[in-house]
Protein backbone atom coordinates (compact mmCIF):
# COMPACT_ATOMS: atom_id res chain seq x y z
CA UNK A 1 0.12 -0.07 -0.24
CA UNK A 2 0.89 3.30 -0.73
CA UNK A 3 0.42 5.91 2.26
CA UNK A 4 0.11 9.52 0.84
CA UNK A 5 1.16 12.48 3.58
CA UNK A 6 -0.93 15.46 2.74
CA UNK A 7 -2.18 18.79 5.00
CA UNK A 8 -5.33 17.75 3.33
CA UNK A 9 -7.48 14.77 2.35
CA UNK A 10 -10.47 16.67 -0.40
CA UNK A 11 -12.31 14.49 -2.95
CA UNK A 12 -10.44 15.66 -5.34
CA UNK A 13 -7.38 13.95 -4.22
CA UNK A 14 -9.07 11.14 -2.92
CA UNK A 15 -10.09 10.69 -6.83
CA UNK A 16 -7.59 11.14 -8.97
CA UNK A 17 -4.95 9.06 -6.97
CA UNK A 18 -6.88 6.11 -6.36
CA UNK A 19 -7.31 6.48 -10.57
CA UNK A 20 -3.48 6.54 -10.72
CA UNK A 21 -2.57 4.79 -7.95
CA UNK A 22 -5.06 1.85 -8.01
CA UNK A 23 -6.67 1.56 -11.35
CA UNK A 24 -3.56 2.17 -13.37
CA UNK A 25 -0.84 0.75 -11.25
CA UNK A 26 -2.75 -1.59 -9.36
CA UNK A 27 -1.50 -0.43 -5.66
CA UNK A 28 -3.65 0.40 -2.88
CA UNK A 29 -3.58 3.73 -1.81
CA UNK A 30 -4.38 5.84 1.51
CA UNK A 31 -3.96 9.05 3.21
CA UNK A 32 -2.98 10.85 6.12
CA UNK A 33 -2.66 14.18 7.75
CA UNK A 34 -0.64 12.83 11.06
CA UNK A 35 3.11 12.95 10.56
CA UNK A 36 2.68 10.23 13.08
CA UNK A 37 1.27 7.76 11.08
CA UNK A 38 3.81 8.55 7.78
CA UNK A 39 6.97 8.24 9.59
CA UNK A 40 5.73 4.91 10.88
CA UNK A 41 3.93 3.34 7.69
CA UNK A 42 7.33 1.25 6.56
CA UNK A 43 6.25 0.53 2.72
CA UNK A 44 5.80 2.91 -0.26
CA UNK A 45 5.23 6.26 1.16
CA UNK A 46 5.47 9.98 -0.39
CA UNK A 47 4.34 13.52 0.68
CA UNK A 48 2.13 15.78 -1.88
CA UNK A 49 1.92 18.97 0.04
CA UNK A 50 3.77 22.28 0.06
CA UNK A 51 6.52 21.78 1.51
CA UNK A 52 8.65 18.70 1.88
CA UNK A 53 8.96 17.18 5.66
CA UNK A 54 12.38 15.63 5.08
CA UNK A 55 14.27 13.25 2.65
CA UNK A 56 10.98 11.73 1.89
CA UNK A 57 9.40 10.99 -1.82
CA UNK A 58 8.10 14.45 -2.38
CA UNK A 59 5.86 15.80 -4.96
CA UNK A 60 4.81 19.37 -4.48
CA UNK A 61 1.26 20.18 -4.75
CA UNK A 62 -0.58 22.18 -7.15
CA UNK A 63 -3.96 24.41 -5.69
CA UNK A 64 -6.15 22.65 -8.04
CA UNK A 65 -6.86 19.37 -5.88
CA UNK A 66 -7.92 21.54 -2.83
CA UNK A 67 -10.27 24.21 -4.46
CA UNK A 68 -14.07 23.56 -5.25
CA UNK A 69 -15.81 24.73 -8.08
CA UNK A 70 -14.00 26.27 -11.44
CA UNK A 71 -11.32 28.71 -11.58
CA UNK A 72 -9.23 30.13 -13.92
CA UNK A 73 -6.34 28.16 -14.58
CA UNK A 74 -3.08 29.35 -16.07
CA UNK A 75 -1.84 26.24 -17.91
CA UNK A 76 1.51 26.28 -19.49
CA UNK A 77 2.89 23.24 -21.44
CA UNK A 78 6.05 21.86 -21.77
CA UNK A 79 8.14 18.81 -23.43
CA UNK A 80 9.00 16.15 -20.60
CA UNK A 81 10.84 13.37 -22.52
CA UNK A 82 8.68 12.09 -25.71
CA UNK A 83 5.59 13.13 -24.15
CA UNK A 84 3.78 17.30 -22.87
CA UNK A 85 3.22 17.97 -19.31
CA UNK A 86 1.74 21.21 -17.51
CA UNK A 87 1.62 22.66 -13.70
CA UNK A 88 5.50 22.47 -13.70
CA UNK A 89 6.71 21.98 -10.03
CA UNK A 90 10.71 23.24 -10.51
CA UNK A 91 13.73 21.37 -8.87
CA UNK A 92 12.55 20.76 -5.26
CA UNK A 93 10.24 18.07 -6.14
CA UNK A 94 10.78 14.11 -7.02
CA UNK A 95 9.31 14.79 -10.31
CA UNK A 96 9.09 18.32 -12.64
CA UNK A 97 5.28 18.11 -13.38
CA UNK A 98 2.37 17.87 -10.26
CA UNK A 99 1.00 14.81 -12.47
CA UNK A 100 -2.19 14.57 -10.15
CA UNK A 101 -3.55 17.84 -10.75
CA UNK A 102 -2.70 17.47 -14.28
CA UNK A 103 -4.39 14.32 -14.64
CA UNK A 104 -7.57 15.71 -12.70
CA UNK A 105 -7.70 18.05 -14.91
CA UNK A 106 -8.01 15.92 -17.84
CA UNK A 107 -10.11 13.08 -16.41
CA UNK A 108 -12.65 15.65 -14.77
CA UNK A 109 -13.16 17.04 -17.96
CA UNK A 110 -12.50 20.58 -16.52
CA UNK A 111 -12.17 22.35 -19.91
CA UNK A 112 -15.93 21.04 -21.08
CA UNK A 113 -17.25 23.56 -18.27
CA UNK A 114 -15.50 26.30 -19.05
CA UNK A 115 -16.87 28.45 -22.23
CA UNK A 116 -16.26 26.93 -25.51
CA UNK A 117 -17.28 26.69 -29.10
CA UNK A 118 -19.68 23.61 -29.97
CA UNK A 119 -20.17 21.91 -33.19
CA UNK A 120 -23.43 21.84 -35.40
CA UNK A 121 -24.86 19.05 -32.89
CA UNK A 122 -23.54 20.64 -29.74
CA UNK A 123 -20.80 18.73 -29.03
CA UNK A 124 -17.06 19.58 -27.83
CA UNK A 125 -14.79 18.80 -30.41
CA UNK A 126 -11.29 18.06 -30.35
CA UNK A 127 -9.98 21.46 -31.96
CA UNK A 128 -11.77 22.92 -28.75
CA UNK A 129 -8.77 20.52 -26.53
CA UNK A 130 -6.20 21.64 -24.48
CA UNK A 131 -4.63 18.30 -26.06
CA UNK A 132 -5.56 19.21 -29.75
CA UNK A 133 -3.73 22.50 -29.42
CA UNK A 134 -0.76 21.54 -27.77
CA UNK A 135 -0.16 18.70 -29.56
CA UNK A 136 -0.86 15.68 -26.80
CA UNK A 137 -3.90 14.34 -28.24
CA UNK A 138 -2.15 11.19 -29.83
CA UNK A 139 -0.79 10.32 -26.28
CA UNK A 140 -2.77 8.72 -23.46
CA UNK A 141 -0.69 11.19 -21.25
CA UNK A 142 -2.24 9.99 -17.97
CA UNK A 143 -1.43 6.77 -18.24
CA UNK A 144 2.12 7.43 -19.40
CA UNK A 145 2.75 9.97 -16.72
CA UNK A 146 1.56 7.38 -13.96
CA UNK A 147 3.96 5.57 -15.09
CA UNK A 148 6.82 7.54 -15.09
CA UNK A 149 5.45 8.07 -11.14
CA UNK A 150 5.84 4.08 -10.77
CA UNK A 151 9.75 3.96 -12.41
CA UNK A 152 10.29 7.02 -10.09
CA UNK A 153 8.74 5.61 -6.76
CA UNK A 154 10.64 2.42 -7.82
CA UNK A 155 13.97 4.41 -7.77
CA UNK A 156 12.70 5.25 -4.40
CA UNK A 157 11.92 1.29 -3.16
CA UNK A 158 13.46 -1.28 -5.29
CA UNK A 159 12.24 -3.93 -3.39
CA UNK A 160 8.64 -3.47 -4.01
CA UNK A 161 6.81 -5.02 -6.92
CA UNK A 162 4.45 -3.19 -9.13
CA UNK A 163 1.78 -5.51 -10.35
CA UNK A 164 1.60 -5.90 -14.00
CA UNK A 165 -1.38 -5.55 -16.36
CA UNK A 166 -2.07 -6.54 -19.69
CA UNK A 167 -3.08 -4.57 -23.50
CA UNK A 168 -6.99 -5.17 -23.47
CA UNK A 169 -8.88 -4.95 -26.49
CA UNK A 170 -12.82 -4.00 -26.46
CA UNK A 171 -14.42 -2.98 -29.81
CA UNK A 172 -17.46 -1.25 -29.86
CA UNK A 173 -20.25 -1.92 -32.25
CA UNK A 174 -22.67 1.06 -32.93
CA UNK A 175 -26.04 0.35 -34.89
CA UNK A 176 -27.77 3.27 -35.58
CA UNK A 177 -30.07 0.46 -37.57
CA UNK A 178 -29.09 -2.49 -38.50
CA UNK A 179 -30.94 -2.60 -41.92
CA UNK A 180 -30.39 -0.47 -44.94
CA UNK A 181 -33.48 -1.46 -46.56
CA UNK A 182 -35.45 -3.97 -44.48
CA UNK A 183 -38.20 -3.66 -41.75
CA UNK A 184 -38.67 0.41 -42.28
CA UNK A 185 -42.27 0.40 -43.16
CA UNK A 186 -44.01 1.40 -46.40
CA UNK A 187 -44.01 5.08 -46.08
CA UNK A 188 -40.17 4.91 -45.64
CA UNK A 189 -39.76 2.29 -48.45
CA UNK A 190 -41.75 3.81 -50.93
CA UNK A 191 -39.87 7.45 -49.43
CA UNK A 192 -36.45 6.35 -50.01
CA UNK A 193 -37.37 4.77 -53.60
CA UNK A 194 -38.98 8.03 -54.87
CA UNK A 195 -36.02 9.90 -53.92
CA UNK A 196 -33.49 7.17 -55.36
CA UNK A 197 -35.65 7.80 -58.76
CA UNK A 198 -35.90 11.52 -58.55
CA UNK A 199 -32.34 11.36 -58.09
CA UNK A 200 -31.61 8.72 -60.70
CA UNK A 201 -29.67 6.74 -58.32
CA UNK A 202 -30.87 3.71 -60.49
CA UNK A 203 -28.03 0.96 -58.21
CA UNK A 204 -29.64 1.93 -54.85
CA UNK A 205 -33.10 1.82 -56.43
CA UNK A 206 -32.10 -1.72 -57.86
CA UNK A 207 -30.42 -2.57 -54.14
CA UNK A 208 -33.22 -1.64 -52.38
CA UNK A 209 -36.13 -3.88 -54.47
CA UNK A 210 -33.51 -6.84 -54.72
CA UNK A 211 -32.91 -6.67 -50.98
CA UNK A 212 -36.80 -6.57 -50.55
CA UNK A 213 -37.81 -9.25 -52.41
CA UNK A 214 -34.95 -11.85 -51.05
CA UNK A 215 -32.47 -11.89 -53.87
CA UNK A 216 -29.80 -9.80 -52.17
CA UNK A 217 -28.44 -9.82 -48.41
CA UNK A 218 -29.04 -6.45 -46.50
CA UNK A 219 -26.10 -4.40 -47.02
CA UNK A 220 -26.02 -3.29 -43.29
CA UNK A 221 -26.98 -6.53 -42.01
CA UNK A 222 -23.42 -7.71 -40.96
CA UNK A 223 -23.97 -9.16 -37.46
CA UNK A 224 -23.28 -12.74 -38.73
CA UNK A 225 -19.84 -11.94 -39.86
CA UNK A 226 -19.34 -10.27 -36.59
CA UNK A 227 -20.34 -12.82 -34.30
CA UNK A 228 -18.04 -15.61 -35.88
CA UNK A 229 -15.37 -12.62 -34.97
CA UNK A 230 -16.45 -12.31 -31.84
CA UNK A 231 -16.43 -16.65 -31.05
CA UNK A 232 -12.84 -16.18 -32.97
CA UNK A 233 -11.27 -13.90 -30.16
CA UNK A 234 -11.50 -13.47 -26.09
CA UNK A 235 -12.29 -9.54 -26.20
CA UNK A 236 -15.78 -9.31 -25.34
CA UNK A 237 -17.56 -6.84 -28.09
CA UNK A 238 -20.13 -4.16 -26.84
CA UNK A 239 -23.19 -3.81 -29.06
CA UNK A 240 -24.95 -0.55 -29.09
CA UNK A 241 -28.45 -0.56 -30.22
CA UNK A 242 -30.22 2.71 -30.87
CA UNK A 243 -34.10 1.69 -30.01
CA UNK A 244 -35.39 5.13 -30.01
CA UNK A 245 -38.35 6.37 -31.98
CA UNK A 246 -37.81 7.64 -35.47
CA UNK A 247 -36.76 11.18 -35.85
CA UNK A 248 -34.76 13.96 -37.56
CA UNK A 249 -31.57 12.87 -36.39
CA UNK A 250 -32.28 8.97 -35.39
CA UNK A 251 -33.56 6.87 -38.24
CA UNK A 252 -33.24 3.68 -37.26
CA UNK A 253 -36.03 0.59 -36.98
CA UNK A 254 -39.16 0.40 -34.96
CA UNK A 255 -38.73 -1.27 -31.59
CA UNK A 256 -41.45 -3.15 -31.42
CA UNK A 257 -41.03 -5.15 -34.85
CA UNK A 258 -40.56 -8.96 -34.28
CA UNK A 259 -37.72 -9.26 -36.15
CA UNK A 260 -35.61 -6.32 -34.91
CA UNK A 261 -36.25 -7.58 -31.26
CA UNK A 262 -35.14 -10.90 -32.11
CA UNK A 263 -32.03 -10.27 -33.88
CA UNK A 264 -30.65 -8.14 -30.47
CA UNK A 265 -31.42 -10.76 -28.89
CA UNK A 266 -29.53 -13.06 -30.79
CA UNK A 267 -26.38 -10.53 -30.46
CA UNK A 268 -26.78 -10.45 -26.73
CA UNK A 269 -26.42 -14.58 -26.77
CA UNK A 270 -22.38 -14.07 -27.88
CA UNK A 271 -21.97 -10.45 -27.03
CA UNK A 272 -22.63 -7.93 -24.61
CA UNK A 273 -25.40 -5.30 -25.50
CA UNK A 274 -25.97 -2.12 -24.47
CA UNK A 275 -27.98 1.04 -25.35
CA UNK A 276 -27.33 3.58 -27.74
CA UNK A 277 -29.23 6.52 -26.71
CA UNK A 278 -31.34 8.62 -29.36
CA UNK A 279 -30.42 12.06 -30.00
CA UNK A 280 -33.94 13.66 -27.95
CA UNK A 281 -33.26 11.22 -25.01
CA UNK A 282 -29.91 12.73 -24.28
CA UNK A 283 -31.91 15.79 -22.51
CA UNK A 284 -35.30 14.61 -21.54
CA UNK A 285 -35.12 12.13 -18.69
CA UNK A 286 -38.57 10.58 -19.01
CA UNK A 287 -37.66 9.52 -22.79
CA UNK A 288 -34.38 8.30 -21.59
CA UNK A 289 -35.76 6.17 -18.77
CA UNK A 290 -38.32 5.10 -21.75
CA UNK A 291 -35.60 3.51 -24.03
CA UNK A 292 -33.82 1.94 -20.72
CA UNK A 293 -37.45 0.56 -19.50
CA UNK A 294 -37.17 -0.78 -23.47
CA UNK A 295 -33.84 -1.89 -24.06
CA UNK A 296 -34.21 -3.82 -19.97
CA UNK A 297 -37.38 -5.71 -21.63
CA UNK A 298 -35.89 -7.11 -24.55
CA UNK A 299 -32.66 -7.75 -22.73
CA UNK A 300 -34.54 -9.33 -19.99
CA UNK A 301 -32.00 -8.14 -17.65
CA UNK A 302 -30.95 -4.70 -16.11
CA UNK A 303 -29.31 -2.31 -18.50
CA UNK A 304 -25.51 -2.04 -17.51
CA UNK A 305 -24.19 0.21 -20.84
CA UNK A 306 -24.99 3.41 -22.87
CA UNK A 307 -23.54 5.01 -25.40
CA UNK A 308 -24.99 8.82 -26.73
CA UNK A 309 -26.27 9.24 -30.24
CA UNK A 310 -23.70 11.28 -32.26
CA UNK A 311 -21.41 11.09 -29.15
CA UNK A 312 -22.96 13.80 -27.93
CA UNK A 313 -21.93 14.84 -24.37
CA UNK A 314 -23.19 17.77 -22.34
CA UNK A 315 -21.50 17.47 -18.64
CA UNK A 316 -22.45 17.20 -16.06
CA UNK A 317 -25.98 16.75 -17.20
CA UNK A 318 -25.73 14.05 -19.85
CA UNK A 319 -24.12 11.51 -16.87
CA UNK A 320 -26.31 12.92 -13.95
CA UNK A 321 -29.21 11.49 -16.01
CA UNK A 322 -27.60 8.25 -16.83
CA UNK A 323 -27.12 7.85 -13.00
CA UNK A 324 -30.14 8.62 -11.93
CA UNK A 325 -31.08 5.36 -14.14
CA UNK A 326 -28.41 3.38 -12.42
CA UNK A 327 -26.85 2.73 -15.68
CA UNK A 328 -23.38 1.59 -14.37
CA UNK A 329 -21.22 2.52 -18.04
CA UNK A 330 -20.81 4.68 -21.04
CA UNK A 331 -18.93 4.63 -23.89
CA UNK A 332 -19.35 8.15 -25.61
CA UNK A 333 -16.33 10.02 -24.25
CA UNK A 334 -14.05 10.36 -27.34
CA UNK A 335 -14.21 12.59 -30.76
CA UNK A 336 -15.81 10.89 -33.86
CA UNK A 337 -13.49 12.97 -35.94
CA UNK A 338 -10.27 12.64 -34.45
CA UNK A 339 -8.27 9.59 -33.12
CA UNK A 340 -6.85 10.43 -30.02
CA UNK A 341 -7.51 10.36 -26.23
CA UNK A 342 -10.09 12.89 -25.12
CA UNK A 343 -9.55 12.51 -21.30
CA UNK A 344 -6.27 12.10 -21.41
CA UNK A 345 -5.99 7.82 -20.63
CA UNK A 346 -6.86 4.21 -21.58
CA UNK A 347 -7.93 3.23 -18.55
CA UNK A 348 -11.85 3.77 -17.63
CA UNK A 349 -12.41 5.82 -14.57
CA UNK A 350 -15.48 6.92 -12.32
CA UNK A 351 -16.90 10.09 -13.72
CA UNK A 352 -16.02 13.17 -11.26
CA UNK A 353 -19.03 15.58 -11.54
CA UNK A 354 -17.05 19.02 -10.75
CA UNK A 355 -20.71 20.98 -9.55
CA UNK A 356 -21.33 18.70 -6.68
CA UNK A 357 -17.46 17.70 -5.66
CA UNK A 358 -18.21 14.23 -5.90
CA UNK A 359 -16.95 10.77 -7.09
CA UNK A 360 -19.87 9.08 -8.77
CA UNK A 361 -20.04 5.28 -9.51
CA UNK A 362 -20.75 5.86 -13.84
CA UNK A 363 -17.63 4.39 -14.75
CA UNK A 364 -16.84 6.37 -17.81
CA UNK A 365 -15.35 3.80 -20.52
CA UNK A 366 -13.32 6.48 -23.11
CA UNK A 367 -12.83 5.26 -26.83
CA UNK A 368 -9.77 6.32 -28.79
CA UNK A 369 -10.79 6.03 -32.33
CA UNK A 370 -14.40 5.54 -34.43
CA UNK A 371 -13.74 4.31 -37.68
CA UNK A 372 -15.01 7.80 -39.13
CA UNK A 373 -11.75 9.13 -38.23
CA UNK A 374 -10.27 6.70 -40.64
CA UNK A 375 -11.69 8.14 -44.00
CA UNK A 376 -9.65 11.19 -43.96
CA UNK A 377 -6.66 8.99 -44.63
CA UNK A 378 -6.99 8.10 -48.19
CA UNK A 379 -5.48 4.78 -48.64
CA UNK A 380 -5.52 1.83 -46.50
CA UNK A 381 -1.77 1.73 -46.46
CA UNK A 382 -2.07 5.35 -44.65
CA UNK A 383 -4.97 4.13 -42.41
CA UNK A 384 -3.54 0.70 -41.37
CA UNK A 385 -0.49 3.31 -40.40
CA UNK A 386 -2.12 5.54 -38.45
CA UNK A 387 -4.27 2.87 -36.47
CA UNK A 388 -0.86 1.14 -35.67
CA UNK A 389 0.66 3.97 -34.33
CA UNK A 390 -2.86 4.34 -31.53
CA UNK A 391 -2.51 0.83 -30.73
CA UNK A 392 1.18 1.27 -30.09
CA UNK A 393 0.38 4.23 -27.73
CA UNK A 394 -2.05 1.92 -25.77
CA UNK A 395 0.44 -1.09 -25.62
CA UNK A 396 3.10 0.97 -24.31
CA UNK A 397 1.06 1.71 -21.17
CA UNK A 398 -0.76 -2.01 -21.27
CA UNK A 399 -3.70 0.26 -21.34
CA UNK A 400 -7.34 -0.97 -23.08
CA UNK A 401 -8.04 0.39 -26.86
CA UNK A 402 -11.65 1.07 -27.38
CA UNK A 403 -12.40 1.20 -31.36
CA UNK A 404 -15.75 2.17 -32.17
CA UNK A 405 -16.90 0.55 -35.59
CA UNK A 406 -20.30 0.59 -37.26
CA UNK A 407 -22.16 -2.24 -38.50
CA UNK A 408 -22.34 -1.02 -41.88
CA UNK A 409 -18.18 -0.46 -41.57
CA UNK A 410 -18.16 -4.02 -42.47
CA UNK A 411 -20.26 -4.00 -45.59
CA UNK A 412 -19.39 -4.34 -49.36
CA UNK A 413 -19.77 -0.12 -49.64
CA UNK A 414 -16.89 1.34 -51.30
CA UNK A 415 -15.63 4.00 -48.59
CA UNK A 416 -15.29 0.98 -46.42
CA UNK A 417 -13.07 -0.88 -48.30
CA UNK A 418 -10.14 -2.63 -46.51
CA UNK A 419 -12.15 -2.23 -42.64
CA UNK A 420 -12.38 -6.06 -42.21
CA UNK A 421 -8.50 -6.25 -42.18
CA UNK A 422 -8.18 -2.94 -40.18
CA UNK A 423 -10.86 -4.62 -37.45
CA UNK A 424 -8.86 -8.21 -37.83
CA UNK A 425 -5.39 -5.61 -37.10
CA UNK A 426 -7.11 -4.46 -33.86
CA UNK A 427 -8.06 -8.00 -32.95
CA UNK A 428 -4.59 -9.61 -33.98
CA UNK A 429 -2.48 -6.80 -31.89
CA UNK A 430 -2.83 -8.46 -28.42
CA UNK A 431 -1.21 -11.33 -30.07
CA UNK A 432 1.78 -8.82 -31.67
CA UNK A 433 5.14 -8.64 -29.29
């Protein structure tokens, strides 16, 4: 156990130390404000306060972990080996930066509470983030800093053996609509056919009717392929089905269709299944509860996991709504158009509510890559290269790589050419040294 001496045990301090020490490094951590107890402890220990007590392992504390609410924090980014950091401390500290305060800033999504420009869907974008502006979005810096902290502690306590964690993969399959043409109803089918005709999309019109007449497989129906892949990998896929009502933003299948319900149940026999929350349910707790109950009726079990439509997050309201409905995990923390680490970490963490100054029970599983973000790279070779780079970043800290794909990504549409190969590259990455 690591014992930390500090002048004040605050909720923020407790939260971030437990993420770095316990979740990332696998070491239990405890705190004390009593010097006598600190001196008597005969294993790992450090002081985290303003002044060093003696010759102990000491990191000078920044004020952010002892504050409440938001303040105008000055952040200066510095190079630190092959990465970057902020909250510089100088020579007297065992580490040149207060990694705990810097990690808290990223994990709590402090910057998303501050004034910022949203996109057309009301989302916080990658280009607004400190990580993007300062050039470290591509790295899981919180985990990198944690490993630097581990190495520094190891030098001080060479006899202590830190537990080893292993690289993990958690593939996400987003299902906004299980089929391109099937189960859409007469009016939507006629509307689609008229639109195809008016725009001279004869190939689409042909595909629509060959699928509906049973001569051809629906392009979005890739579930057999995905279940077969699941059977051959130890990493559990997590599917998120949209079962909200038809709207401007969400154009899925009617959740009352028996074939759709059967599909969800079939997938749930092999993979984990969660709820893809519809766009309008994000800010409507009555609608959200309706969708949750609907999914629980289909699965015949309590809903554990969710993902927001369009990866939209409004902090802290979105997460508070999930907590109120006792959803345990959320998979929305990431950027749709940029590859990287929105919260700076490739380790799941608990949501910290900055308004209430409390650690919540909601586990956030951040994703690091969405299939759409790979489309900006023209050649398959470039896509492979960027994918391997982000995987390598996660592997270097033995983290958990979470990519988001869609059921239609595995169709034969020209824009998704080669994506099955990229998906297999991810699944095989755990076997590579």
